[in-house]
Amino acid sequence: MQMEQIGEKANPVFKRNELTFSLDYGAGRTPSKADIQAAVAHTKKVALEQVEVVNISSDVGVASGKATVNVWEEKKMPIYGKKEEKEAPATPEKEEKKVE
């Protein structure tokens, strides 16, 4: 996948940079949010938690598209593609009934 930054807008009110990227993914599939999040974090040299992928739009009939991404200064975003571990629900102990 090739990414080229085509736009950048600083938004000091929300403490973020709003970026637009042109994507070319050849004969492959449309990249996932996790793929784009990792690529932008690497390119901009920021942590994964600071990158929010807002939108991915594919061009019709062509293996290319655009992605809108926010890079936050303070807000922490979830890491896409990372499975969250859920706590197992507590199972109540079965009470045995005595037959008298």
N, C-alpha and C. Protein backbone atom coordinates (compact mmCIF):
# COMPACT_ATOMS: atom_id res chain seq x y z
N MET A 1 0.84 -1.17 0.00
CA MET A 1 0.00 0.00 0.00
C MET A 1 0.89 1.24 0.00
N GLN A 2 0.55 2.17 -0.86
CA GLN A 2 1.27 3.44 -0.91
C GLN A 2 0.34 4.54 -0.41
N MET A 3 0.89 5.39 0.47
CA MET A 3 0.12 6.50 1.02
C MET A 3 0.84 7.80 0.72
N GLU A 4 0.06 8.79 0.31
CA GLU A 4 0.62 10.13 0.08
C GLU A 4 -0.28 11.14 0.77
N GLN A 5 0.29 11.99 1.60
CA GLN A 5 -0.49 12.99 2.29
C GLN A 5 -0.85 14.10 1.32
N ILE A 6 -2.16 14.39 1.20
CA ILE A 6 -2.61 15.41 0.26
C ILE A 6 -3.21 16.62 0.97
N GLY A 7 -3.39 16.53 2.29
CA GLY A 7 -3.94 17.67 3.00
C GLY A 7 -3.65 17.59 4.49
N GLU A 8 -3.51 18.76 5.13
CA GLU A 8 -3.29 18.82 6.56
C GLU A 8 -3.89 20.11 7.09
N LYS A 9 -4.65 19.98 8.16
CA LYS A 9 -5.27 21.16 8.77
C LYS A 9 -5.09 21.05 10.27
N ALA A 10 -4.52 22.08 10.88
CA ALA A 10 -4.36 22.11 12.33
C ALA A 10 -5.67 22.59 12.95
N ASN A 11 -6.12 21.91 13.98
CA ASN A 11 -7.33 22.30 14.69
C ASN A 11 -6.97 22.49 16.16
N PRO A 12 -6.55 23.70 16.55
CA PRO A 12 -6.10 23.93 17.93
C PRO A 12 -7.21 23.85 18.96
N VAL A 13 -8.45 24.06 18.56
CA VAL A 13 -9.57 23.99 19.50
C VAL A 13 -9.70 22.57 20.05
N PHE A 14 -9.63 21.58 19.17
CA PHE A 14 -9.73 20.19 19.59
C PHE A 14 -8.38 19.54 19.85
N LYS A 15 -7.31 20.29 19.66
CA LYS A 15 -5.93 19.80 19.86
C LYS A 15 -5.65 18.57 19.00
N ARG A 16 -5.84 18.75 17.69
CA ARG A 16 -5.58 17.66 16.75
C ARG A 16 -5.17 18.23 15.40
N ASN A 17 -4.55 17.38 14.59
CA ASN A 17 -4.26 17.67 13.19
C ASN A 17 -5.15 16.78 12.34
N GLU A 18 -5.83 17.37 11.38
CA GLU A 18 -6.72 16.63 10.50
C GLU A 18 -6.00 16.40 9.18
N LEU A 19 -5.75 15.14 8.85
CA LEU A 19 -4.95 14.79 7.68
C LEU A 19 -5.81 14.07 6.65
N THR A 20 -5.45 14.25 5.38
CA THR A 20 -6.08 13.52 4.29
C THR A 20 -4.99 12.82 3.50
N PHE A 21 -5.20 11.54 3.23
CA PHE A 21 -4.21 10.74 2.50
C PHE A 21 -4.83 10.16 1.24
N SER A 22 -4.03 10.09 0.19
CA SER A 22 -4.38 9.38 -1.03
C SER A 22 -3.78 7.99 -0.92
N LEU A 23 -4.61 6.97 -1.16
CA LEU A 23 -4.16 5.58 -1.02
C LEU A 23 -4.11 4.91 -2.38
N ASP A 24 -3.09 4.09 -2.59
CA ASP A 24 -2.99 3.25 -3.78
C ASP A 24 -2.61 1.87 -3.29
N TYR A 25 -3.54 0.93 -3.39
CA TYR A 25 -3.27 -0.39 -2.85
C TYR A 25 -3.19 -1.47 -3.92
N GLY A 26 -2.86 -1.09 -5.12
CA GLY A 26 -2.57 -2.04 -6.18
C GLY A 26 -3.64 -3.09 -6.35
N ALA A 27 -3.23 -4.33 -6.48
CA ALA A 27 -4.18 -5.42 -6.68
C ALA A 27 -4.70 -5.98 -5.36
N GLY A 28 -4.29 -5.39 -4.25
CA GLY A 28 -4.71 -5.89 -2.94
C GLY A 28 -6.09 -5.40 -2.55
N ARG A 29 -6.46 -5.72 -1.34
CA ARG A 29 -7.75 -5.32 -0.80
C ARG A 29 -7.67 -3.90 -0.23
N THR A 30 -8.82 -3.31 0.04
CA THR A 30 -8.85 -2.01 0.69
C THR A 30 -8.23 -2.16 2.08
N PRO A 31 -7.30 -1.29 2.45
CA PRO A 31 -6.65 -1.44 3.76
C PRO A 31 -7.64 -1.22 4.90
N SER A 32 -7.40 -1.92 5.99
CA SER A 32 -8.26 -1.78 7.17
C SER A 32 -7.86 -0.54 7.96
N LYS A 33 -8.70 -0.19 8.93
CA LYS A 33 -8.37 0.93 9.81
C LYS A 33 -7.08 0.66 10.57
N ALA A 34 -6.86 -0.60 10.95
CA ALA A 34 -5.64 -0.97 11.67
C ALA A 34 -4.40 -0.74 10.80
N ASP A 35 -4.48 -1.09 9.52
CA ASP A 35 -3.36 -0.89 8.60
C ASP A 35 -3.03 0.60 8.45
N ILE A 36 -4.06 1.41 8.27
CA ILE A 36 -3.85 2.84 8.09
C ILE A 36 -3.36 3.49 9.37
N GLN A 37 -3.92 3.07 10.51
CA GLN A 37 -3.50 3.62 11.81
C GLN A 37 -2.01 3.36 12.03
N ALA A 38 -1.56 2.15 11.75
CA ALA A 38 -0.15 1.81 11.94
C ALA A 38 0.74 2.59 10.97
N ALA A 39 0.32 2.73 9.72
CA ALA A 39 1.12 3.44 8.73
C ALA A 39 1.24 4.93 9.07
N VAL A 40 0.16 5.55 9.51
CA VAL A 40 0.19 6.97 9.86
C VAL A 40 1.03 7.19 11.11
N ALA A 41 0.88 6.31 12.10
CA ALA A 41 1.68 6.43 13.33
C ALA A 41 3.16 6.33 13.02
N HIS A 42 3.53 5.43 12.11
CA HIS A 42 4.92 5.28 11.71
C HIS A 42 5.41 6.51 10.94
N THR A 43 4.59 7.00 10.01
CA THR A 43 4.97 8.15 9.18
C THR A 43 5.12 9.42 10.01
N LYS A 44 4.17 9.66 10.90
CA LYS A 44 4.16 10.89 11.70
C LYS A 44 4.94 10.76 13.01
N LYS A 45 5.44 9.56 13.28
CA LYS A 45 6.24 9.29 14.48
C LYS A 45 5.47 9.64 15.76
N VAL A 46 4.24 9.11 15.85
CA VAL A 46 3.41 9.27 17.04
C VAL A 46 2.96 7.89 17.50
N ALA A 47 2.40 7.83 18.70
CA ALA A 47 1.90 6.56 19.23
C ALA A 47 0.61 6.17 18.52
N LEU A 48 0.35 4.87 18.47
CA LEU A 48 -0.88 4.37 17.84
C LEU A 48 -2.13 4.96 18.48
N GLU A 49 -2.08 5.18 19.80
CA GLU A 49 -3.25 5.68 20.53
C GLU A 49 -3.63 7.10 20.13
N GLN A 50 -2.74 7.82 19.48
CA GLN A 50 -3.01 9.20 19.08
C GLN A 50 -3.64 9.31 17.69
N VAL A 51 -3.73 8.20 16.96
CA VAL A 51 -4.20 8.21 15.58
C VAL A 51 -5.63 7.66 15.51
N GLU A 52 -6.53 8.46 14.95
CA GLU A 52 -7.93 8.04 14.75
C GLU A 52 -8.22 8.05 13.25
N VAL A 53 -8.61 6.92 12.71
CA VAL A 53 -8.99 6.84 11.31
C VAL A 53 -10.49 7.16 11.23
N VAL A 54 -10.82 8.29 10.63
CA VAL A 54 -12.20 8.76 10.59
C VAL A 54 -12.96 8.10 9.45
N ASN A 55 -12.33 8.03 8.27
CA ASN A 55 -13.05 7.56 7.09
C ASN A 55 -12.07 6.97 6.08
N ILE A 56 -12.50 5.89 5.43
CA ILE A 56 -11.77 5.31 4.30
C ILE A 56 -12.77 5.21 3.16
N SER A 57 -12.47 5.83 2.03
CA SER A 57 -13.38 5.75 0.88
C SER A 57 -12.59 5.24 -0.32
N SER A 58 -13.16 4.23 -0.97
CA SER A 58 -12.52 3.64 -2.15
C SER A 58 -13.09 4.26 -3.41
N ASP A 59 -12.24 4.42 -4.41
CA ASP A 59 -12.70 4.87 -5.71
C ASP A 59 -13.33 3.69 -6.43
N VAL A 60 -14.35 3.95 -7.23
CA VAL A 60 -15.08 2.89 -7.91
C VAL A 60 -14.26 2.33 -9.07
N GLY A 61 -14.07 1.02 -9.09
CA GLY A 61 -13.40 0.36 -10.19
C GLY A 61 -11.89 0.48 -10.22
N VAL A 62 -11.31 1.13 -9.24
CA VAL A 62 -9.86 1.33 -9.20
C VAL A 62 -9.37 0.98 -7.80
N ALA A 63 -8.17 0.43 -7.71
CA ALA A 63 -7.62 0.06 -6.40
C ALA A 63 -6.94 1.25 -5.75
N SER A 64 -7.73 2.29 -5.51
CA SER A 64 -7.21 3.49 -4.84
C SER A 64 -8.35 4.13 -4.07
N GLY A 65 -8.00 5.09 -3.25
CA GLY A 65 -9.02 5.77 -2.46
C GLY A 65 -8.42 6.87 -1.62
N LYS A 66 -9.19 7.33 -0.63
CA LYS A 66 -8.74 8.38 0.27
C LYS A 66 -9.06 7.98 1.71
N ALA A 67 -8.27 8.50 2.63
CA ALA A 67 -8.49 8.26 4.04
C ALA A 67 -8.40 9.58 4.79
N THR A 68 -9.31 9.78 5.72
CA THR A 68 -9.29 10.95 6.58
C THR A 68 -8.86 10.49 7.96
N VAL A 69 -7.84 11.15 8.52
CA VAL A 69 -7.24 10.71 9.78
C VAL A 69 -7.05 11.92 10.70
N ASN A 70 -7.32 11.72 11.99
CA ASN A 70 -7.03 12.74 13.00
C ASN A 70 -5.86 12.27 13.84
N VAL A 71 -4.90 13.16 14.08
CA VAL A 71 -3.80 12.87 14.99
C VAL A 71 -3.98 13.78 16.21
N TRP A 72 -4.32 13.17 17.33
CA TRP A 72 -4.63 13.90 18.55
C TRP A 72 -3.36 14.17 19.35
N GLU A 73 -3.37 15.32 20.04
CA GLU A 73 -2.25 15.65 20.93
C GLU A 73 -2.41 14.99 22.29
N GLU A 74 -3.64 14.95 22.82
CA GLU A 74 -3.86 14.44 24.16
C GLU A 74 -4.80 13.25 24.22
N LYS A 75 -5.84 13.23 23.42
CA LYS A 75 -6.87 12.20 23.49
C LYS A 75 -6.30 10.85 23.06
N LYS A 76 -6.66 9.80 23.77
CA LYS A 76 -6.20 8.45 23.46
C LYS A 76 -7.32 7.68 22.75
N MET A 77 -7.01 7.12 21.60
CA MET A 77 -7.96 6.37 20.80
C MET A 77 -7.68 4.88 20.96
N PRO A 78 -8.67 4.02 20.72
CA PRO A 78 -8.41 2.59 20.78
C PRO A 78 -7.51 2.16 19.62
N ILE A 79 -6.73 1.13 19.85
CA ILE A 79 -5.88 0.59 18.79
C ILE A 79 -6.72 -0.37 17.97
N TYR A 80 -6.89 -0.06 16.68
CA TYR A 80 -7.72 -0.90 15.82
C TYR A 80 -7.06 -2.26 15.62
N GLY A 81 -7.87 -3.30 15.57
CA GLY A 81 -7.37 -4.63 15.34
C GLY A 81 -6.90 -5.34 16.60
N LYS A 82 -6.84 -4.63 17.71
CA LYS A 82 -6.40 -5.23 18.96
C LYS A 82 -7.62 -5.77 19.69
N LYS A 83 -7.58 -7.03 20.04
CA LYS A 83 -8.70 -7.65 20.73
C LYS A 83 -8.66 -7.24 22.19
N GLU A 84 -9.81 -6.78 22.68
CA GLU A 84 -9.90 -6.44 24.08
C GLU A 84 -10.26 -7.70 24.87
N GLU A 85 -9.54 -7.90 25.95
CA GLU A 85 -9.81 -9.07 26.78
C GLU A 85 -10.95 -8.75 27.72
N LYS A 86 -11.95 -9.61 27.69
CA LYS A 86 -13.10 -9.43 28.56
C LYS A 86 -12.94 -10.34 29.77
N GLU A 87 -13.37 -9.83 30.90
CA GLU A 87 -13.30 -10.65 32.09
C GLU A 87 -14.40 -11.71 32.02
N ALA A 88 -14.05 -12.90 32.43
CA ALA A 88 -15.03 -13.98 32.45
C ALA A 88 -16.07 -13.69 33.53
N PRO A 89 -17.33 -13.87 33.21
CA PRO A 89 -18.35 -13.61 34.23
C PRO A 89 -18.23 -14.61 35.37
N ALA A 90 -18.44 -14.12 36.56
CA ALA A 90 -18.34 -14.98 37.74
C ALA A 90 -19.51 -15.96 37.73
N THR A 91 -19.20 -17.21 37.84
CA THR A 91 -20.25 -18.22 37.87
C THR A 91 -20.62 -18.50 39.31
N PRO A 92 -21.89 -18.40 39.62
CA PRO A 92 -22.30 -18.68 41.00
C PRO A 92 -22.15 -20.16 41.30
N GLU A 93 -21.71 -20.41 42.50
CA GLU A 93 -21.54 -21.81 42.90
C GLU A 93 -22.91 -22.44 43.10
N LYS A 94 -23.04 -23.62 42.60
CA LYS A 94 -24.32 -24.32 42.72
C LYS A 94 -24.45 -24.87 44.14
N GLU A 95 -25.59 -24.62 44.68
CA GLU A 95 -25.86 -25.13 46.04
C GLU A 95 -26.50 -26.50 45.92
N GLU A 96 -25.96 -27.41 46.66
CA GLU A 96 -26.51 -28.75 46.64
C GLU A 96 -27.63 -28.84 47.66
N LYS A 97 -28.71 -29.44 47.22
CA LYS A 97 -29.84 -29.61 48.15
C LYS A 97 -29.77 -30.98 48.78
N LYS A 98 -29.98 -31.01 50.08
CA LYS A 98 -29.99 -32.28 50.78
C LYS A 98 -31.41 -32.78 50.87
N VAL A 99 -31.54 -34.02 50.55
CA VAL A 99 -32.86 -34.65 50.66
C VAL A 99 -32.90 -35.33 52.03
N GLU A 100 -33.86 -34.93 52.82
CA GLU A 100 -33.96 -35.51 54.17
C GLU A 100 -35.10 -36.45 54.26
